[in-house]
Full PDB file with SEQRES, HELIX, SHEET, SSBOND, CRYST1, ORIGX, SCALE, CONECT and MASTER records, all heavy atoms in Angstrom:
SEQRES   1 A   39  CYS ARG PRO ARG ILE LEU PHE GLU PHE GLU LYS HIS VAL          
SEQRES   2 A   39  SER GLU CYS ARG GLY ASP ASP TRP PRO SER TYR VAL ALA          
SEQRES   3 A   39  PHE PHE GLU ALA HIS GLN TYR ASP THR PHE SER ILE LEU          
HELIX    1 AA1 LYS A   11  CYS A   16  1                                   6    
HELIX    2 AA2 TRP A   21  ALA A   30  1                                  10    
CRYST1    1.000    1.000    1.000  90.00  90.00  90.00 P 1           1          
ORIGX1      1.000000  0.000000  0.000000        0.00000                         
ORIGX2      0.000000  1.000000  0.000000        0.00000                         
ORIGX3      0.000000  0.000000  1.000000        0.00000                         
SCALE1      1.000000  0.000000  0.000000        0.00000                         
SCALE2      0.000000  1.000000  0.000000        0.00000                         
SCALE3      0.000000  0.000000  1.000000        0.00000                         
ATOM      1  N   CYS A   1      21.349  -0.677  24.509  1.00  0.00           N  
ATOM      2  CA  CYS A   1      22.014  -1.972  24.326  1.00  0.00           C  
ATOM      3  C   CYS A   1      22.221  -2.403  22.894  1.00  0.00           C  
ATOM      4  O   CYS A   1      23.090  -3.235  22.641  1.00  0.00           O  
ATOM      5  CB  CYS A   1      21.203  -3.053  25.046  1.00  0.00           C  
ATOM      6  SG  CYS A   1      21.061  -2.797  26.842  1.00  0.00           S  
ATOM      7  N   ARG A   2      21.447  -1.871  21.968  1.00  0.00           N  
ATOM      8  CA  ARG A   2      21.504  -2.202  20.544  1.00  0.00           C  
ATOM      9  C   ARG A   2      21.399  -3.726  20.327  1.00  0.00           C  
ATOM     10  O   ARG A   2      22.220  -4.322  19.624  1.00  0.00           O  
ATOM     11  CB  ARG A   2      22.821  -1.677  19.935  1.00  0.00           C  
ATOM     12  CG  ARG A   2      23.065  -0.216  20.190  1.00  0.00           C  
ATOM     13  CD  ARG A   2      22.191   0.739  19.493  1.00  0.00           C  
ATOM     14  NE  ARG A   2      22.409   0.700  18.055  1.00  0.00           N  
ATOM     15  CZ  ARG A   2      21.460   0.903  17.147  1.00  0.00           C  
ATOM     16  NH1 ARG A   2      20.268   1.258  17.508  1.00  0.00           N  
ATOM     17  NH2 ARG A   2      21.738   0.860  15.869  1.00  0.00           N  
ATOM     18  N   PRO A   3      20.363  -4.356  20.885  1.00  0.00           N  
ATOM     19  CA  PRO A   3      20.225  -5.821  20.693  1.00  0.00           C  
ATOM     20  C   PRO A   3      19.700  -6.190  19.336  1.00  0.00           C  
ATOM     21  O   PRO A   3      19.155  -5.310  18.619  1.00  0.00           O  
ATOM     22  CB  PRO A   3      19.186  -6.180  21.753  1.00  0.00           C  
ATOM     23  CG  PRO A   3      18.305  -4.953  21.810  1.00  0.00           C  
ATOM     24  CD  PRO A   3      19.273  -3.808  21.661  1.00  0.00           C  
ATOM     25  N   ARG A   4      19.848  -7.419  18.933  1.00  0.00           N  
ATOM     26  CA  ARG A   4      19.159  -7.929  17.790  1.00  0.00           C  
ATOM     27  C   ARG A   4      17.706  -8.131  18.230  1.00  0.00           C  
ATOM     28  O   ARG A   4      17.461  -8.425  19.411  1.00  0.00           O  
ATOM     29  CB  ARG A   4      19.748  -9.233  17.325  1.00  0.00           C  
ATOM     30  CG  ARG A   4      21.135  -9.017  16.735  1.00  0.00           C  
ATOM     31  CD  ARG A   4      21.830 -10.321  16.354  1.00  0.00           C  
ATOM     32  NE  ARG A   4      23.100  -9.975  15.771  1.00  0.00           N  
ATOM     33  CZ  ARG A   4      23.454 -10.180  14.516  1.00  0.00           C  
ATOM     34  NH1 ARG A   4      22.599 -10.723  13.704  1.00  0.00           N  
ATOM     35  NH2 ARG A   4      24.648  -9.871  14.122  1.00  0.00           N  
ATOM     36  N   ILE A   5      16.785  -7.989  17.297  1.00  0.00           N  
ATOM     37  CA  ILE A   5      15.364  -8.082  17.643  1.00  0.00           C  
ATOM     38  C   ILE A   5      14.680  -9.030  16.680  1.00  0.00           C  
ATOM     39  O   ILE A   5      14.728  -8.832  15.456  1.00  0.00           O  
ATOM     40  CB  ILE A   5      14.690  -6.677  17.555  1.00  0.00           C  
ATOM     41  CG1 ILE A   5      15.402  -5.714  18.525  1.00  0.00           C  
ATOM     42  CG2 ILE A   5      13.196  -6.809  17.884  1.00  0.00           C  
ATOM     43  CD1 ILE A   5      14.965  -4.272  18.310  1.00  0.00           C  
ATOM     44  N   LEU A   6      14.091 -10.069  17.221  1.00  0.00           N  
ATOM     45  CA  LEU A   6      13.234 -10.985  16.450  1.00  0.00           C  
ATOM     46  C   LEU A   6      11.796 -10.536  16.660  1.00  0.00           C  
ATOM     47  O   LEU A   6      11.380 -10.367  17.831  1.00  0.00           O  
ATOM     48  CB  LEU A   6      13.382 -12.421  16.943  1.00  0.00           C  
ATOM     49  CG  LEU A   6      14.698 -13.111  16.559  1.00  0.00           C  
ATOM     50  CD1 LEU A   6      14.858 -14.404  17.352  1.00  0.00           C  
ATOM     51  CD2 LEU A   6      14.739 -13.405  15.077  1.00  0.00           C  
ATOM     52  N   PHE A   7      11.031 -10.337  15.600  1.00  0.00           N  
ATOM     53  CA  PHE A   7       9.650  -9.908  15.744  1.00  0.00           C  
ATOM     54  C   PHE A   7       8.829 -10.440  14.591  1.00  0.00           C  
ATOM     55  O   PHE A   7       9.341 -10.904  13.565  1.00  0.00           O  
ATOM     56  CB  PHE A   7       9.584  -8.384  15.796  1.00  0.00           C  
ATOM     57  CG  PHE A   7       9.885  -7.669  14.513  1.00  0.00           C  
ATOM     58  CD1 PHE A   7       8.881  -7.231  13.667  1.00  0.00           C  
ATOM     59  CD2 PHE A   7      11.225  -7.461  14.111  1.00  0.00           C  
ATOM     60  CE1 PHE A   7       9.199  -6.587  12.483  1.00  0.00           C  
ATOM     61  CE2 PHE A   7      11.512  -6.818  12.912  1.00  0.00           C  
ATOM     62  CZ  PHE A   7      10.508  -6.374  12.103  1.00  0.00           C  
ATOM     63  N   GLU A   8       7.530 -10.408  14.811  1.00  0.00           N  
ATOM     64  CA  GLU A   8       6.577 -10.788  13.764  1.00  0.00           C  
ATOM     65  C   GLU A   8       5.851  -9.537  13.247  1.00  0.00           C  
ATOM     66  O   GLU A   8       5.621  -8.625  13.985  1.00  0.00           O  
ATOM     67  CB  GLU A   8       5.526 -11.701  14.328  1.00  0.00           C  
ATOM     68  CG  GLU A   8       6.027 -13.070  14.720  1.00  0.00           C  
ATOM     69  CD  GLU A   8       4.903 -13.949  15.242  1.00  0.00           C  
ATOM     70  OE1 GLU A   8       3.964 -13.424  15.873  1.00  0.00           O  
ATOM     71  OE2 GLU A   8       4.973 -15.145  15.036  1.00  0.00           O  
ATOM     72  N   PHE A   9       5.575  -9.543  11.968  1.00  0.00           N  
ATOM     73  CA  PHE A   9       4.632  -8.580  11.406  1.00  0.00           C  
ATOM     74  C   PHE A   9       3.475  -9.393  10.861  1.00  0.00           C  
ATOM     75  O   PHE A   9       3.593 -10.051   9.843  1.00  0.00           O  
ATOM     76  CB  PHE A   9       5.269  -7.699  10.315  1.00  0.00           C  
ATOM     77  CG  PHE A   9       4.250  -6.830   9.653  1.00  0.00           C  
ATOM     78  CD1 PHE A   9       3.723  -5.741  10.353  1.00  0.00           C  
ATOM     79  CD2 PHE A   9       3.817  -7.057   8.378  1.00  0.00           C  
ATOM     80  CE1 PHE A   9       2.770  -4.909   9.768  1.00  0.00           C  
ATOM     81  CE2 PHE A   9       2.858  -6.238   7.790  1.00  0.00           C  
ATOM     82  CZ  PHE A   9       2.335  -5.182   8.471  1.00  0.00           C  
ATOM     83  N   GLU A  10       2.380  -9.363  11.585  1.00  0.00           N  
ATOM     84  CA  GLU A  10       1.168 -10.043  11.154  1.00  0.00           C  
ATOM     85  C   GLU A  10       0.270  -8.993  10.564  1.00  0.00           C  
ATOM     86  O   GLU A  10      -0.399  -8.232  11.242  1.00  0.00           O  
ATOM     87  CB  GLU A  10       0.532 -10.727  12.331  1.00  0.00           C  
ATOM     88  CG  GLU A  10       1.455 -11.820  12.911  1.00  0.00           C  
ATOM     89  CD  GLU A  10       0.820 -12.566  14.042  1.00  0.00           C  
ATOM     90  OE1 GLU A  10      -0.227 -13.160  13.866  1.00  0.00           O  
ATOM     91  OE2 GLU A  10       1.426 -12.510  15.130  1.00  0.00           O  
ATOM     92  N   LYS A  11       0.291  -8.934   9.245  1.00  0.00           N  
ATOM     93  CA  LYS A  11      -0.329  -7.868   8.477  1.00  0.00           C  
ATOM     94  C   LYS A  11      -1.761  -7.558   8.908  1.00  0.00           C  
ATOM     95  O   LYS A  11      -2.092  -6.425   9.234  1.00  0.00           O  
ATOM     96  CB  LYS A  11      -0.271  -8.176   6.981  1.00  0.00           C  
ATOM     97  CG  LYS A  11      -0.805  -7.072   6.097  1.00  0.00           C  
ATOM     98  CD  LYS A  11      -0.609  -7.482   4.626  1.00  0.00           C  
ATOM     99  CE  LYS A  11      -1.001  -6.473   3.596  1.00  0.00           C  
ATOM    100  NZ  LYS A  11      -1.774  -5.351   3.910  1.00  0.00           N  
ATOM    101  N   HIS A  12      -2.594  -8.532   8.931  1.00  0.00           N  
ATOM    102  CA  HIS A  12      -4.014  -8.272   9.184  1.00  0.00           C  
ATOM    103  C   HIS A  12      -4.246  -7.743  10.598  1.00  0.00           C  
ATOM    104  O   HIS A  12      -4.890  -6.678  10.758  1.00  0.00           O  
ATOM    105  CB  HIS A  12      -4.850  -9.549   8.981  1.00  0.00           C  
ATOM    106  CG  HIS A  12      -6.322  -9.310   9.126  1.00  0.00           C  
ATOM    107  ND1 HIS A  12      -7.066  -8.639   8.162  1.00  0.00           N  
ATOM    108  CD2 HIS A  12      -7.143  -9.585  10.146  1.00  0.00           C  
ATOM    109  CE1 HIS A  12      -8.310  -8.560   8.592  1.00  0.00           C  
ATOM    110  NE2 HIS A  12      -8.391  -9.147   9.770  1.00  0.00           N  
ATOM    111  N   VAL A  13      -3.726  -8.409  11.614  1.00  0.00           N  
ATOM    112  CA  VAL A  13      -3.980  -7.933  12.982  1.00  0.00           C  
ATOM    113  C   VAL A  13      -3.199  -6.686  13.310  1.00  0.00           C  
ATOM    114  O   VAL A  13      -3.665  -5.851  14.077  1.00  0.00           O  
ATOM    115  CB  VAL A  13      -3.778  -9.064  14.007  1.00  0.00           C  
ATOM    116  CG1 VAL A  13      -4.880 -10.086  13.911  1.00  0.00           C  
ATOM    117  CG2 VAL A  13      -2.411  -9.707  13.913  1.00  0.00           C  
ATOM    118  N   SER A  14      -2.057  -6.492  12.713  1.00  0.00           N  
ATOM    119  CA  SER A  14      -1.303  -5.237  12.942  1.00  0.00           C  
ATOM    120  C   SER A  14      -2.050  -4.038  12.384  1.00  0.00           C  
ATOM    121  O   SER A  14      -2.184  -3.018  13.012  1.00  0.00           O  
ATOM    122  CB  SER A  14       0.093  -5.315  12.314  1.00  0.00           C  
ATOM    123  OG  SER A  14       0.915  -6.253  12.959  1.00  0.00           O  
ATOM    124  N   GLU A  15      -2.567  -4.239  11.155  1.00  0.00           N  
ATOM    125  CA  GLU A  15      -3.275  -3.124  10.526  1.00  0.00           C  
ATOM    126  C   GLU A  15      -4.596  -2.862  11.218  1.00  0.00           C  
ATOM    127  O   GLU A  15      -5.059  -1.702  11.272  1.00  0.00           O  
ATOM    128  CB  GLU A  15      -3.494  -3.416   9.051  1.00  0.00           C  
ATOM    129  CG  GLU A  15      -2.167  -3.327   8.287  1.00  0.00           C  
ATOM    130  CD  GLU A  15      -2.269  -3.642   6.826  1.00  0.00           C  
ATOM    131  OE1 GLU A  15      -3.321  -4.176   6.361  1.00  0.00           O  
ATOM    132  OE2 GLU A  15      -1.248  -3.425   6.127  1.00  0.00           O  
ATOM    133  N   CYS A  16      -5.214  -3.857  11.860  1.00  0.00           N  
ATOM    134  CA  CYS A  16      -6.428  -3.641  12.670  1.00  0.00           C  
ATOM    135  C   CYS A  16      -6.103  -2.672  13.827  1.00  0.00           C  
ATOM    136  O   CYS A  16      -6.963  -1.966  14.326  1.00  0.00           O  
ATOM    137  CB  CYS A  16      -6.967  -4.938  13.205  1.00  0.00           C  
ATOM    138  SG  CYS A  16      -7.791  -5.925  11.965  1.00  0.00           S  
ATOM    139  N   ARG A  17      -4.877  -2.710  14.302  1.00  0.00           N  
ATOM    140  CA  ARG A  17      -4.436  -1.823  15.390  1.00  0.00           C  
ATOM    141  C   ARG A  17      -3.892  -0.494  14.885  1.00  0.00           C  
ATOM    142  O   ARG A  17      -3.445   0.349  15.623  1.00  0.00           O  
ATOM    143  CB  ARG A  17      -3.369  -2.509  16.189  1.00  0.00           C  
ATOM    144  CG  ARG A  17      -3.842  -3.688  16.980  1.00  0.00           C  
ATOM    145  CD  ARG A  17      -2.681  -4.353  17.720  1.00  0.00           C  
ATOM    146  NE  ARG A  17      -3.222  -5.337  18.642  1.00  0.00           N  
ATOM    147  CZ  ARG A  17      -3.518  -6.572  18.327  1.00  0.00           C  
ATOM    148  NH1 ARG A  17      -3.390  -6.980  17.085  1.00  0.00           N  
ATOM    149  NH2 ARG A  17      -3.965  -7.420  19.230  1.00  0.00           N  
ATOM    150  N   GLY A  18      -3.865  -0.317  13.547  1.00  0.00           N  
ATOM    151  CA  GLY A  18      -3.365   0.926  12.978  1.00  0.00           C  
ATOM    152  C   GLY A  18      -1.877   0.924  12.767  1.00  0.00           C  
ATOM    153  O   GLY A  18      -1.263   1.985  12.495  1.00  0.00           O  
ATOM    154  N   ASP A  19      -1.212  -0.206  12.838  1.00  0.00           N  
ATOM    155  CA  ASP A  19       0.233  -0.331  12.669  1.00  0.00           C  
ATOM    156  C   ASP A  19       0.504  -1.059  11.337  1.00  0.00           C  
ATOM    157  O   ASP A  19       0.463  -2.268  11.288  1.00  0.00           O  
ATOM    158  CB  ASP A  19       0.892  -1.087  13.833  1.00  0.00           C  
ATOM    159  CG  ASP A  19       0.696  -0.366  15.143  1.00  0.00           C  
ATOM    160  OD1 ASP A  19       0.650   0.869  15.137  1.00  0.00           O  
ATOM    161  OD2 ASP A  19       0.614  -1.068  16.193  1.00  0.00           O  
ATOM    162  N   ASP A  20       0.823  -0.303  10.297  1.00  0.00           N  
ATOM    163  CA  ASP A  20       1.124  -0.925   9.014  1.00  0.00           C  
ATOM    164  C   ASP A  20       2.630  -1.099   8.868  1.00  0.00           C  
ATOM    165  O   ASP A  20       3.429  -0.653   9.717  1.00  0.00           O  
ATOM    166  CB  ASP A  20       0.547  -0.105   7.859  1.00  0.00           C  
ATOM    167  CG  ASP A  20       1.031   1.340   7.835  1.00  0.00           C  
ATOM    168  OD1 ASP A  20       1.956   1.690   8.626  1.00  0.00           O  
ATOM    169  OD2 ASP A  20       0.535   2.107   7.045  1.00  0.00           O  
ATOM    170  N   TRP A  21       3.059  -1.783   7.801  1.00  0.00           N  
ATOM    171  CA  TRP A  21       4.510  -2.045   7.616  1.00  0.00           C  
ATOM    172  C   TRP A  21       5.324  -0.754   7.555  1.00  0.00           C  
ATOM    173  O   TRP A  21       6.391  -0.691   8.170  1.00  0.00           O  
ATOM    174  CB  TRP A  21       4.712  -2.897   6.366  1.00  0.00           C  
ATOM    175  CG  TRP A  21       6.146  -3.224   6.158  1.00  0.00           C  
ATOM    176  CD1 TRP A  21       6.940  -2.823   5.138  1.00  0.00           C  
ATOM    177  CD2 TRP A  21       7.000  -3.993   7.033  1.00  0.00           C  
ATOM    178  NE1 TRP A  21       8.229  -3.301   5.297  1.00  0.00           N  
ATOM    179  CE2 TRP A  21       8.293  -4.015   6.449  1.00  0.00           C  
ATOM    180  CE3 TRP A  21       6.787  -4.633   8.218  1.00  0.00           C  
ATOM    181  CZ2 TRP A  21       9.355  -4.683   7.030  1.00  0.00           C  
ATOM    182  CZ3 TRP A  21       7.859  -5.312   8.781  1.00  0.00           C  
ATOM    183  CH2 TRP A  21       9.134  -5.306   8.224  1.00  0.00           C  
ATOM    184  N   PRO A  22       4.884   0.323   6.894  1.00  0.00           N  
ATOM    185  CA  PRO A  22       5.686   1.546   6.914  1.00  0.00           C  
ATOM    186  C   PRO A  22       5.915   2.095   8.356  1.00  0.00           C  
ATOM    187  O   PRO A  22       6.948   2.706   8.615  1.00  0.00           O  
ATOM    188  CB  PRO A  22       4.865   2.540   6.065  1.00  0.00           C  
ATOM    189  CG  PRO A  22       4.137   1.649   5.099  1.00  0.00           C  
ATOM    190  CD  PRO A  22       3.755   0.437   5.918  1.00  0.00           C  
ATOM    191  N   SER A  23       4.994   1.828   9.257  1.00  0.00           N  
ATOM    192  CA  SER A  23       5.210   2.220  10.651  1.00  0.00           C  
ATOM    193  C   SER A  23       6.350   1.477  11.312  1.00  0.00           C  
ATOM    194  O   SER A  23       7.145   2.037  12.056  1.00  0.00           O  
ATOM    195  CB  SER A  23       3.938   1.984  11.479  1.00  0.00           C  
ATOM    196  OG  SER A  23       2.835   2.712  10.949  1.00  0.00           O  
ATOM    197  N   TYR A  24       6.455   0.190  10.975  1.00  0.00           N  
ATOM    198  CA  TYR A  24       7.560  -0.621  11.485  1.00  0.00           C  
ATOM    199  C   TYR A  24       8.862  -0.138  10.870  1.00  0.00           C  
ATOM    200  O   TYR A  24       9.896   0.015  11.585  1.00  0.00           O  
ATOM    201  CB  TYR A  24       7.340  -2.107  11.134  1.00  0.00           C  
ATOM    202  CG  TYR A  24       6.376  -2.838  12.045  1.00  0.00           C  
ATOM    203  CD1 TYR A  24       5.003  -2.638  11.926  1.00  0.00           C  
ATOM    204  CD2 TYR A  24       6.843  -3.736  12.973  1.00  0.00           C  
ATOM    205  CE1 TYR A  24       4.108  -3.309  12.740  1.00  0.00           C  
ATOM    206  CE2 TYR A  24       5.961  -4.423  13.806  1.00  0.00           C  
ATOM    207  CZ  TYR A  24       4.590  -4.212  13.681  1.00  0.00           C  
ATOM    208  OH  TYR A  24       3.723  -4.877  14.471  1.00  0.00           O  
ATOM    209  N   VAL A  25       8.859   0.094   9.573  1.00  0.00           N  
ATOM    210  CA  VAL A  25      10.074   0.559   8.885  1.00  0.00           C  
ATOM    211  C   VAL A  25      10.515   1.876   9.496  1.00  0.00           C  
ATOM    212  O   VAL A  25      11.734   2.054   9.784  1.00  0.00           O  
ATOM    213  CB  VAL A  25       9.818   0.738   7.361  1.00  0.00           C  
ATOM    214  CG1 VAL A  25      10.972   1.459   6.685  1.00  0.00           C  
ATOM    215  CG2 VAL A  25       9.549  -0.630   6.725  1.00  0.00           C  
ATOM    216  N   ALA A  26       9.625   2.805   9.748  1.00  0.00           N  
ATOM    217  CA  ALA A  26       9.963   4.097  10.330  1.00  0.00           C  
ATOM    218  C   ALA A  26      10.554   3.907  11.743  1.00  0.00           C  
ATOM    219  O   ALA A  26      11.560   4.588  12.104  1.00  0.00           O  
ATOM    220  CB  ALA A  26       8.752   5.011  10.384  1.00  0.00           C  
ATOM    221  N   PHE A  27       9.987   3.015  12.529  1.00  0.00           N  
ATOM    222  CA  PHE A  27      10.515   2.761  13.872  1.00  0.00           C  
ATOM    223  C   PHE A  27      11.965   2.259  13.792  1.00  0.00           C  
ATOM    224  O   PHE A  27      12.852   2.798  14.482  1.00  0.00           O  
ATOM    225  CB  PHE A  27       9.681   1.712  14.598  1.00  0.00           C  
ATOM    226  CG  PHE A  27      10.203   1.341  15.954  1.00  0.00           C  
ATOM    227  CD1 PHE A  27       9.872   2.053  17.069  1.00  0.00           C  
ATOM    228  CD2 PHE A  27      11.043   0.237  16.102  1.00  0.00           C  
ATOM    229  CE1 PHE A  27      10.339   1.726  18.335  1.00  0.00           C  
ATOM    230  CE2 PHE A  27      11.538  -0.120  17.322  1.00  0.00           C  
ATOM    231  CZ  PHE A  27      11.216   0.658  18.457  1.00  0.00           C  
ATOM    232  N   PHE A  28      12.215   1.274  12.979  1.00  0.00           N  
ATOM    233  CA  PHE A  28      13.573   0.700  12.893  1.00  0.00           C  
ATOM    234  C   PHE A  28      14.544   1.676  12.251  1.00  0.00           C  
ATOM    235  O   PHE A  28      15.731   1.753  12.649  1.00  0.00           O  
ATOM    236  CB  PHE A  28      13.559  -0.659  12.211  1.00  0.00           C  
ATOM    237  CG  PHE A  28      12.998  -1.730  13.103  1.00  0.00           C  
ATOM    238  CD1 PHE A  28      11.782  -2.332  12.812  1.00  0.00           C  
ATOM    239  CD2 PHE A  28      13.692  -2.134  14.252  1.00  0.00           C  
ATOM    240  CE1 PHE A  28      11.242  -3.308  13.654  1.00  0.00           C  
ATOM    241  CE2 PHE A  28      13.175  -3.110  15.082  1.00  0.00           C  
ATOM    242  CZ  PHE A  28      11.939  -3.697  14.771  1.00  0.00           C  
ATOM    243  N   GLU A  29      14.080   2.452  11.293  1.00  0.00           N  
ATOM    244  CA  GLU A  29      14.942   3.452  10.668  1.00  0.00           C  
ATOM    245  C   GLU A  29      15.351   4.505  11.698  1.00  0.00           C  
ATOM    246  O   GLU A  29      16.510   4.908  11.779  1.00  0.00           O  
ATOM    247  CB  GLU A  29      14.225   4.124   9.473  1.00  0.00           C  
ATOM    248  CG  GLU A  29      15.094   5.028   8.666  1.00  0.00           C  
ATOM    249  CD  GLU A  29      16.268   4.354   8.024  1.00  0.00           C  
ATOM    250  OE1 GLU A  29      16.178   3.202   7.595  1.00  0.00           O  
ATOM    251  OE2 GLU A  29      17.352   4.998   7.962  1.00  0.00           O  
ATOM    252  N   ALA A  30      14.406   4.930  12.524  1.00  0.00           N  
ATOM    253  CA  ALA A  30      14.724   5.922  13.558  1.00  0.00           C  
ATOM    254  C   ALA A  30      15.768   5.426  14.557  1.00  0.00           C  
ATOM    255  O   ALA A  30      16.544   6.213  15.124  1.00  0.00           O  
ATOM    256  CB  ALA A  30      13.412   6.300  14.315  1.00  0.00           C  
ATOM    257  N   HIS A  31      15.817   4.100  14.725  1.00  0.00           N  
ATOM    258  CA  HIS A  31      16.777   3.496  15.663  1.00  0.00           C  
ATOM    259  C   HIS A  31      18.008   2.948  14.933  1.00  0.00           C  
ATOM    260  O   HIS A  31      18.871   2.291  15.556  1.00  0.00           O  
ATOM    261  CB  HIS A  31      16.106   2.387  16.487  1.00  0.00           C  
ATOM    262  CG  HIS A  31      15.130   2.937  17.458  1.00  0.00           C  
ATOM    263  ND1 HIS A  31      15.489   3.548  18.637  1.00  0.00           N  
ATOM    264  CD2 HIS A  31      13.791   3.051  17.407  1.00  0.00           C  
ATOM    265  CE1 HIS A  31      14.419   3.957  19.301  1.00  0.00           C  
ATOM    266  NE2 HIS A  31      13.372   3.692  18.563  1.00  0.00           N  
ATOM    267  N   GLN A  32      18.083   3.200  13.616  1.00  0.00           N  
ATOM    268  CA  GLN A  32      19.218   2.775  12.808  1.00  0.00           C  
ATOM    269  C   GLN A  32      19.411   1.259  12.807  1.00  0.00           C  
ATOM    270  O   GLN A  32      20.480   0.737  13.117  1.00  0.00           O  
ATOM    271  CB  GLN A  32      20.476   3.488  13.200  1.00  0.00           C  
ATOM    272  CG  GLN A  32      20.363   4.995  12.974  1.00  0.00           C  
ATOM    273  CD  GLN A  32      21.656   5.731  13.345  1.00  0.00           C  
ATOM    274  OE1 GLN A  32      22.623   5.185  13.782  1.00  0.00           O  
ATOM    275  NE2 GLN A  32      21.632   7.049  13.085  1.00  0.00           N  
ATOM    276  N   TYR A  33      18.284   0.584  12.479  1.00  0.00           N  
ATOM    277  CA  TYR A  33      18.299  -0.875  12.377  1.00  0.00           C  
ATOM    278  C   TYR A  33      17.929  -1.220  10.939  1.00  0.00           C  
ATOM    279  O   TYR A  33      17.159  -0.540  10.287  1.00  0.00           O  
ATOM    280  CB  TYR A  33      17.242  -1.497  13.274  1.00  0.00           C  
ATOM    281  CG  TYR A  33      17.720  -1.820  14.688  1.00  0.00           C  
ATOM    282  CD1 TYR A  33      17.985  -0.807  15.582  1.00  0.00           C  
ATOM    283  CD2 TYR A  33      17.865  -3.163  15.086  1.00  0.00           C  
ATOM    284  CE1 TYR A  33      18.393  -1.130  16.873  1.00  0.00           C  
ATOM    285  CE2 TYR A  33      18.293  -3.463  16.384  1.00  0.00           C  
ATOM    286  CZ  TYR A  33      18.551  -2.449  17.251  1.00  0.00           C  
ATOM    287  OH  TYR A  33      18.979  -2.735  18.528  1.00  0.00           O  
ATOM    288  N   ASP A  34      18.453  -2.360  10.450  1.00  0.00           N  
ATOM    289  CA  ASP A  34      18.041  -2.973   9.187  1.00  0.00           C  
ATOM    290  C   ASP A  34      17.159  -4.194   9.539  1.00  0.00           C  
ATOM    291  O   ASP A  34      17.434  -4.869  10.553  1.00  0.00           O  
ATOM    292  CB  ASP A  34      19.228  -3.424   8.364  1.00  0.00           C  
ATOM    293  CG  ASP A  34      20.064  -2.260   7.890  1.00  0.00           C  
ATOM    294  OD1 ASP A  34      19.485  -1.240   7.469  1.00  0.00           O  
ATOM    295  OD2 ASP A  34      21.318  -2.342   7.936  1.00  0.00           O  
ATOM    296  N   THR A  35      16.155  -4.449   8.719  1.00  0.00           N  
ATOM    297  CA  THR A  35      15.294  -5.594   8.954  1.00  0.00           C  
ATOM    298  C   THR A  35      15.431  -6.600   7.817  1.00  0.00           C  
ATOM    299  O   THR A  35      15.645  -6.216   6.653  1.00  0.00           O  
ATOM    300  CB  THR A  35      13.818  -5.172   9.081  1.00  0.00           C  
ATOM    301  OG1 THR A  35      13.400  -4.524   7.887  1.00  0.00           O  
ATOM    302  CG2 THR A  35      13.590  -4.272  10.267  1.00  0.00           C  
ATOM    303  N   PHE A  36      15.337  -7.867   8.173  1.00  0.00           N  
ATOM    304  CA  PHE A  36      15.465  -8.984   7.246  1.00  0.00           C  
ATOM    305  C   PHE A  36      14.349  -9.964   7.479  1.00  0.00           C  
ATOM    306  O   PHE A  36      14.122 -10.368   8.632  1.00  0.00           O  
ATOM    307  CB  PHE A  36      16.820  -9.681   7.429  1.00  0.00           C  
ATOM    308  CG  PHE A  36      18.011  -8.747   7.284  1.00  0.00           C  
ATOM    309  CD1 PHE A  36      18.534  -8.132   8.413  1.00  0.00           C  
ATOM    310  CD2 PHE A  36      18.534  -8.496   6.039  1.00  0.00           C  
ATOM    311  CE1 PHE A  36      19.628  -7.261   8.299  1.00  0.00           C  
ATOM    312  CE2 PHE A  36      19.630  -7.646   5.896  1.00  0.00           C  
ATOM    313  CZ  PHE A  36      20.149  -7.012   7.043  1.00  0.00           C  
ATOM    314  N   SER A  37      13.710 -10.392   6.419  1.00  0.00           N  
ATOM    315  CA  SER A  37      12.661 -11.421   6.528  1.00  0.00           C  
ATOM    316  C   SER A  37      13.342 -12.763   6.765  1.00  0.00           C  
ATOM    317  O   SER A  37      14.312 -13.091   6.069  1.00  0.00           O  
ATOM    318  CB  SER A  37      11.863 -11.458   5.234  1.00  0.00           C  
ATOM    319  OG  SER A  37      10.921 -12.535   5.283  1.00  0.00           O  
ATOM    320  N   ILE A  38      12.881 -13.504   7.738  1.00  0.00           N  
ATOM    321  CA  ILE A  38      13.467 -14.830   7.967  1.00  0.00           C  
ATOM    322  C   ILE A  38      12.464 -15.962   7.773  1.00  0.00           C  
ATOM    323  O   ILE A  38      12.843 -17.130   7.797  1.00  0.00           O  
ATOM    324  CB  ILE A  38      14.113 -14.929   9.388  1.00  0.00           C  
ATOM    325  CG1 ILE A  38      13.095 -14.610  10.504  1.00  0.00           C  
ATOM    326  CG2 ILE A  38      15.313 -14.017   9.483  1.00  0.00           C  
ATOM    327  CD1 ILE A  38      13.639 -14.838  11.874  1.00  0.00           C  
ATOM    328  N   LEU A  39      11.203 -15.599   7.533  1.00  0.00           N  
ATOM    329  CA  LEU A  39      10.213 -16.645   7.234  1.00  0.00           C  
ATOM    330  C   LEU A  39       9.033 -15.995   6.491  1.00  0.00           C  
ATOM    331  O   LEU A  39       8.302 -15.229   7.074  1.00  0.00           O  
ATOM    332  CB  LEU A  39       9.693 -17.315   8.511  1.00  0.00           C  
ATOM    333  CG  LEU A  39       8.620 -18.393   8.319  1.00  0.00           C  
ATOM    334  CD1 LEU A  39       9.204 -19.559   7.496  1.00  0.00           C  
ATOM    335  CD2 LEU A  39       8.150 -18.890   9.659  1.00  0.00           C  
TER     336      LEU A  39                                                      
MASTER        0    0    0    2    0    0    0    6  335    1    0    3          
END                                                                             
């Protein structure tokens, strides 16, 4: 569907789960998405 995606990156709790920002970047890059900070 190629939808727009609103999501949060909560650094501390994400990293506690082993998901750091580069993991998010890799996911979106693999799906050919650009990410923009909105807050």
